Structures are given as C-alpha cells and as structure tokens.
C-alpha cells in the first residue's frame, strides 16, 4: 500500500471517531487547559479548544475516554509508567 493510500485510509477513519464522540458521553482526563478542565464531561461533541489540541498534538485524543471506562482509565493514569500516565505527563509539559 502506498503512502498516499495510507493517508486516504487515515483520513476516512478520523470522521468516524468524531461522530462516535458526538454520540457518546466522554470525559477529558488530561491536565487542565484553557477551555477544558480535567474530568470535564462532554456529551455533545468536543469543544473547539480540545479539537485544536488534538490536531496540534494527536496524543491528546487518548486523554478522552468514554465515561464507562473512566474508572479503568483513572487507575492507569495513576500507575507510574503506564501509557496514559506518560501521555498525561507529556500533555502537562505542553
């Protein structure tokens, strides 16, 4: 598969993620940023400030989880060296 074909596939997948977020209730578990505080719940899509952060730093998308998975994500966030913990630390430096 060529690089152009891969980009097309990735582009096709992004709107599906955005639509999924609009349909389900999600919570932002990253550090406080202007316009989005940690543990803010969104049930009607994401605010523009968070969408912009995701475009600039795609790993911010991993810090948005479905409410049903909040307890599990919280445990991983607190665990030193876990993926979410590392991403949180990286986001905190930005």
N, C-alpha and C. Protein backbone atom coordinates (compact mmCIF):
# COMPACT_ATOMS: atom_id res chain seq x y z
N UNK A 1 0.85 -1.17 0.00
CA UNK A 1 0.00 0.00 0.00
C UNK A 1 0.90 1.24 0.00
N UNK A 2 0.61 2.17 -0.88
CA UNK A 2 1.43 3.38 -0.98
C UNK A 2 1.12 4.34 0.17
N UNK A 3 2.02 5.31 0.37
CA UNK A 3 1.81 6.31 1.43
C UNK A 3 0.53 7.11 1.18
N UNK A 4 0.24 7.42 -0.08
CA UNK A 4 -0.97 8.17 -0.40
C UNK A 4 -2.21 7.38 -0.01
N UNK A 5 -2.20 6.07 -0.27
CA UNK A 5 -3.36 5.23 0.09
C UNK A 5 -3.53 5.16 1.60
N UNK A 6 -2.41 5.09 2.34
CA UNK A 6 -2.48 5.07 3.80
C UNK A 6 -3.08 6.35 4.34
N UNK A 7 -2.67 7.49 3.77
CA UNK A 7 -3.21 8.79 4.20
C UNK A 7 -4.71 8.86 3.94
N UNK A 8 -5.14 8.33 2.80
CA UNK A 8 -6.57 8.33 2.48
C UNK A 8 -7.33 7.50 3.50
N UNK A 9 -6.80 6.33 3.86
CA UNK A 9 -7.46 5.48 4.85
C UNK A 9 -7.53 6.18 6.19
N UNK A 10 -6.45 6.81 6.62
CA UNK A 10 -6.45 7.53 7.90
C UNK A 10 -7.45 8.66 7.88
N UNK A 11 -7.52 9.38 6.76
CA UNK A 11 -8.47 10.49 6.64
C UNK A 11 -9.90 9.98 6.75
N UNK A 12 -10.17 8.83 6.20
CA UNK A 12 -11.52 8.27 6.26
C UNK A 12 -11.89 7.86 7.68
N UNK A 13 -10.91 7.45 8.48
CA UNK A 13 -11.19 6.98 9.83
C UNK A 13 -11.44 8.12 10.81
N UNK A 14 -10.87 9.28 10.61
CA UNK A 14 -10.99 10.39 11.55
C UNK A 14 -12.43 10.85 11.73
N UNK A 15 -13.21 11.08 10.66
CA UNK A 15 -14.59 11.50 10.90
C UNK A 15 -15.40 10.48 11.70
N UNK A 16 -15.11 9.20 11.53
CA UNK A 16 -15.84 8.19 12.29
C UNK A 16 -15.59 8.37 13.78
N UNK A 17 -14.35 8.69 14.18
CA UNK A 17 -14.04 8.93 15.58
C UNK A 17 -14.79 10.15 16.09
N UNK A 18 -14.83 11.21 15.29
CA UNK A 18 -15.53 12.42 15.70
C UNK A 18 -17.02 12.15 15.86
N UNK A 19 -17.59 11.39 14.93
CA UNK A 19 -19.01 11.05 15.04
C UNK A 19 -19.27 10.22 16.28
N UNK A 20 -18.38 9.29 16.58
CA UNK A 20 -18.54 8.44 17.76
C UNK A 20 -18.54 9.31 19.01
N UNK A 21 -17.64 10.30 19.07
CA UNK A 21 -17.56 11.15 20.25
C UNK A 21 -18.82 12.00 20.39
N UNK A 22 -19.43 12.38 19.28
CA UNK A 22 -20.65 13.17 19.34
C UNK A 22 -21.80 12.34 19.88
N UNK A 23 -21.77 11.04 19.64
CA UNK A 23 -22.86 10.17 20.03
C UNK A 23 -22.73 9.66 21.46
N UNK A 24 -21.51 9.56 21.97
CA UNK A 24 -21.35 9.03 23.31
C UNK A 24 -20.83 10.10 24.26
N UNK A 25 -21.03 9.86 25.52
CA UNK A 25 -20.55 10.78 26.54
C UNK A 25 -19.12 10.41 26.89
N UNK A 26 -18.23 11.40 26.77
CA UNK A 26 -16.82 11.19 27.03
C UNK A 26 -16.33 12.17 28.10
N UNK A 27 -15.18 11.84 28.67
CA UNK A 27 -14.60 12.69 29.70
C UNK A 27 -13.13 12.95 29.36
N UNK A 28 -12.71 14.18 29.55
CA UNK A 28 -11.32 14.57 29.31
C UNK A 28 -10.54 14.32 30.60
N UNK A 29 -9.50 13.49 30.52
CA UNK A 29 -8.74 13.14 31.73
C UNK A 29 -7.34 13.75 31.74
N UNK A 30 -7.07 14.62 30.78
CA UNK A 30 -5.77 15.26 30.72
C UNK A 30 -5.67 16.43 31.69
N UNK A 31 -4.52 17.10 31.70
CA UNK A 31 -4.34 18.24 32.59
C UNK A 31 -5.22 19.42 32.15
N UNK A 32 -5.50 20.31 33.09
CA UNK A 32 -6.32 21.48 32.77
C UNK A 32 -5.67 22.29 31.66
N UNK A 33 -6.48 22.66 30.68
CA UNK A 33 -6.06 23.60 29.65
C UNK A 33 -7.15 24.65 29.54
N UNK A 34 -6.82 25.76 28.97
CA UNK A 34 -7.81 26.82 28.82
C UNK A 34 -8.98 26.31 27.99
N UNK A 35 -10.14 26.25 28.58
CA UNK A 35 -11.34 25.79 27.88
C UNK A 35 -11.71 24.34 28.14
N UNK A 36 -10.86 23.59 28.83
CA UNK A 36 -11.16 22.19 29.15
C UNK A 36 -10.43 21.79 30.42
N UNK A 37 -11.18 21.64 31.47
CA UNK A 37 -10.62 21.22 32.76
C UNK A 37 -10.60 19.69 32.83
N UNK A 38 -9.67 19.16 33.63
CA UNK A 38 -9.60 17.72 33.81
C UNK A 38 -10.94 17.22 34.38
N UNK A 39 -11.37 16.09 33.90
CA UNK A 39 -12.61 15.41 34.28
C UNK A 39 -13.88 16.14 33.83
N UNK A 40 -13.75 16.98 32.81
CA UNK A 40 -14.94 17.60 32.22
C UNK A 40 -15.61 16.57 31.33
N UNK A 41 -16.92 16.46 31.45
CA UNK A 41 -17.70 15.50 30.67
C UNK A 41 -18.32 16.22 29.48
N UNK A 42 -18.22 15.60 28.32
CA UNK A 42 -18.80 16.16 27.10
C UNK A 42 -19.77 15.15 26.51
N UNK A 43 -20.99 15.60 26.23
CA UNK A 43 -21.97 14.68 25.65
C UNK A 43 -22.51 15.18 24.32
N UNK A 44 -21.99 16.29 23.84
CA UNK A 44 -22.45 16.82 22.56
C UNK A 44 -21.26 17.23 21.71
N UNK A 45 -20.27 16.36 21.62
CA UNK A 45 -19.05 16.66 20.89
C UNK A 45 -18.04 17.38 21.76
N UNK A 46 -16.88 17.59 21.19
CA UNK A 46 -15.80 18.23 21.93
C UNK A 46 -15.77 19.73 21.64
N UNK A 47 -15.30 20.52 22.61
CA UNK A 47 -15.17 21.96 22.36
C UNK A 47 -14.05 22.22 21.35
N UNK A 48 -14.11 23.35 20.69
CA UNK A 48 -13.12 23.69 19.68
C UNK A 48 -11.70 23.70 20.22
N UNK A 49 -11.52 24.16 21.46
CA UNK A 49 -10.18 24.22 22.03
C UNK A 49 -9.56 22.83 22.14
N UNK A 50 -10.36 21.84 22.47
CA UNK A 50 -9.86 20.47 22.58
C UNK A 50 -9.62 19.87 21.18
N UNK A 51 -10.49 20.18 20.25
CA UNK A 51 -10.28 19.71 18.87
C UNK A 51 -8.97 20.27 18.32
N UNK A 52 -8.70 21.53 18.62
CA UNK A 52 -7.46 22.17 18.15
C UNK A 52 -6.24 21.49 18.78
N UNK A 53 -6.33 21.18 20.08
CA UNK A 53 -5.23 20.49 20.76
C UNK A 53 -4.97 19.14 20.11
N UNK A 54 -6.02 18.43 19.77
CA UNK A 54 -5.89 17.11 19.14
C UNK A 54 -5.24 17.24 17.77
N UNK A 55 -5.60 18.28 17.03
CA UNK A 55 -4.97 18.49 15.72
C UNK A 55 -3.49 18.81 15.88
N UNK A 56 -3.14 19.62 16.86
CA UNK A 56 -1.75 20.00 17.09
C UNK A 56 -0.94 18.85 17.68
N UNK A 57 -1.52 18.17 18.64
CA UNK A 57 -0.87 17.07 19.35
C UNK A 57 -1.84 15.88 19.41
N UNK A 58 -1.81 15.00 18.42
CA UNK A 58 -2.79 13.90 18.33
C UNK A 58 -2.90 13.03 19.58
N UNK A 59 -1.86 12.96 20.40
CA UNK A 59 -1.94 12.11 21.59
C UNK A 59 -2.99 12.59 22.58
N UNK A 60 -3.44 13.85 22.48
CA UNK A 60 -4.49 14.35 23.36
C UNK A 60 -5.78 13.54 23.18
N UNK A 61 -5.96 12.94 22.02
CA UNK A 61 -7.16 12.12 21.78
C UNK A 61 -7.22 10.94 22.75
N UNK A 62 -6.06 10.44 23.15
CA UNK A 62 -6.01 9.31 24.10
C UNK A 62 -6.43 9.73 25.50
N UNK A 63 -6.46 11.03 25.76
CA UNK A 63 -6.85 11.53 27.07
C UNK A 63 -8.34 11.85 27.13
N UNK A 64 -9.08 11.38 26.14
CA UNK A 64 -10.53 11.50 26.12
C UNK A 64 -11.08 10.08 26.09
N UNK A 65 -11.81 9.72 27.13
CA UNK A 65 -12.29 8.35 27.26
C UNK A 65 -13.80 8.33 27.47
N UNK A 66 -14.45 7.24 27.07
CA UNK A 66 -15.88 7.11 27.38
C UNK A 66 -16.09 7.08 28.89
N UNK A 67 -17.17 7.65 29.34
CA UNK A 67 -17.46 7.71 30.78
C UNK A 67 -17.45 6.31 31.39
N UNK A 68 -17.91 5.33 30.65
CA UNK A 68 -17.96 3.96 31.16
C UNK A 68 -16.56 3.42 31.49
N UNK A 69 -15.53 3.96 30.87
CA UNK A 69 -14.17 3.48 31.08
C UNK A 69 -13.35 4.42 31.97
N UNK A 70 -14.01 5.37 32.61
CA UNK A 70 -13.30 6.35 33.42
C UNK A 70 -12.56 5.71 34.59
N UNK A 71 -13.18 4.79 35.30
CA UNK A 71 -12.53 4.17 36.46
C UNK A 71 -11.26 3.44 36.03
N UNK A 72 -11.35 2.68 34.97
CA UNK A 72 -10.19 1.95 34.47
C UNK A 72 -9.10 2.92 34.00
N UNK A 73 -9.49 3.96 33.27
CA UNK A 73 -8.53 4.95 32.79
C UNK A 73 -7.88 5.69 33.95
N UNK A 74 -8.65 5.96 35.00
CA UNK A 74 -8.12 6.64 36.18
C UNK A 74 -7.05 5.80 36.87
N UNK A 75 -7.27 4.49 36.95
CA UNK A 75 -6.28 3.60 37.55
C UNK A 75 -4.99 3.60 36.72
N UNK A 76 -5.15 3.56 35.40
CA UNK A 76 -3.97 3.57 34.53
C UNK A 76 -3.26 4.93 34.60
N UNK A 77 -4.02 5.99 34.72
CA UNK A 77 -3.45 7.33 34.82
C UNK A 77 -2.58 7.45 36.07
N UNK A 78 -3.00 6.82 37.15
CA UNK A 78 -2.26 6.89 38.41
C UNK A 78 -1.06 5.95 38.45
N UNK A 79 -1.02 4.98 37.55
CA UNK A 79 0.06 3.99 37.56
C UNK A 79 1.30 4.54 36.85
N UNK A 80 2.36 4.70 37.61
CA UNK A 80 3.62 5.23 37.09
C UNK A 80 4.11 4.39 35.91
N UNK A 81 4.39 5.04 34.77
CA UNK A 81 4.93 4.36 33.61
C UNK A 81 3.90 3.79 32.65
N UNK A 82 2.61 3.88 33.01
CA UNK A 82 1.58 3.39 32.09
C UNK A 82 1.45 4.35 30.90
N UNK A 83 0.82 3.87 29.86
CA UNK A 83 0.67 4.69 28.66
C UNK A 83 -0.05 5.99 28.98
N UNK A 84 -1.19 5.92 29.67
CA UNK A 84 -1.93 7.15 29.99
C UNK A 84 -1.14 8.07 30.90
N UNK A 85 -0.39 7.49 31.83
CA UNK A 85 0.44 8.31 32.72
C UNK A 85 1.50 9.06 31.93
N UNK A 86 2.15 8.38 31.01
CA UNK A 86 3.17 9.01 30.18
C UNK A 86 2.56 10.10 29.30
N UNK A 87 1.40 9.82 28.70
CA UNK A 87 0.74 10.82 27.86
C UNK A 87 0.28 12.02 28.68
N UNK A 88 -0.19 11.77 29.90
CA UNK A 88 -0.59 12.87 30.78
C UNK A 88 0.62 13.76 31.08
N UNK A 89 1.73 13.14 31.41
CA UNK A 89 2.95 13.91 31.72
C UNK A 89 3.40 14.71 30.49
N UNK A 90 3.30 14.11 29.33
CA UNK A 90 3.67 14.80 28.10
C UNK A 90 2.72 15.99 27.86
N UNK A 91 1.45 15.79 28.08
CA UNK A 91 0.47 16.86 27.89
C UNK A 91 0.67 17.96 28.90
N UNK A 92 1.07 17.61 30.10
CA UNK A 92 1.28 18.59 31.17
C UNK A 92 2.46 19.52 30.85
N UNK A 93 3.39 19.03 30.05
CA UNK A 93 4.56 19.84 29.67
C UNK A 93 4.24 20.80 28.53
N UNK A 94 3.18 20.54 27.79
CA UNK A 94 2.81 21.37 26.63
C UNK A 94 2.14 22.64 27.07
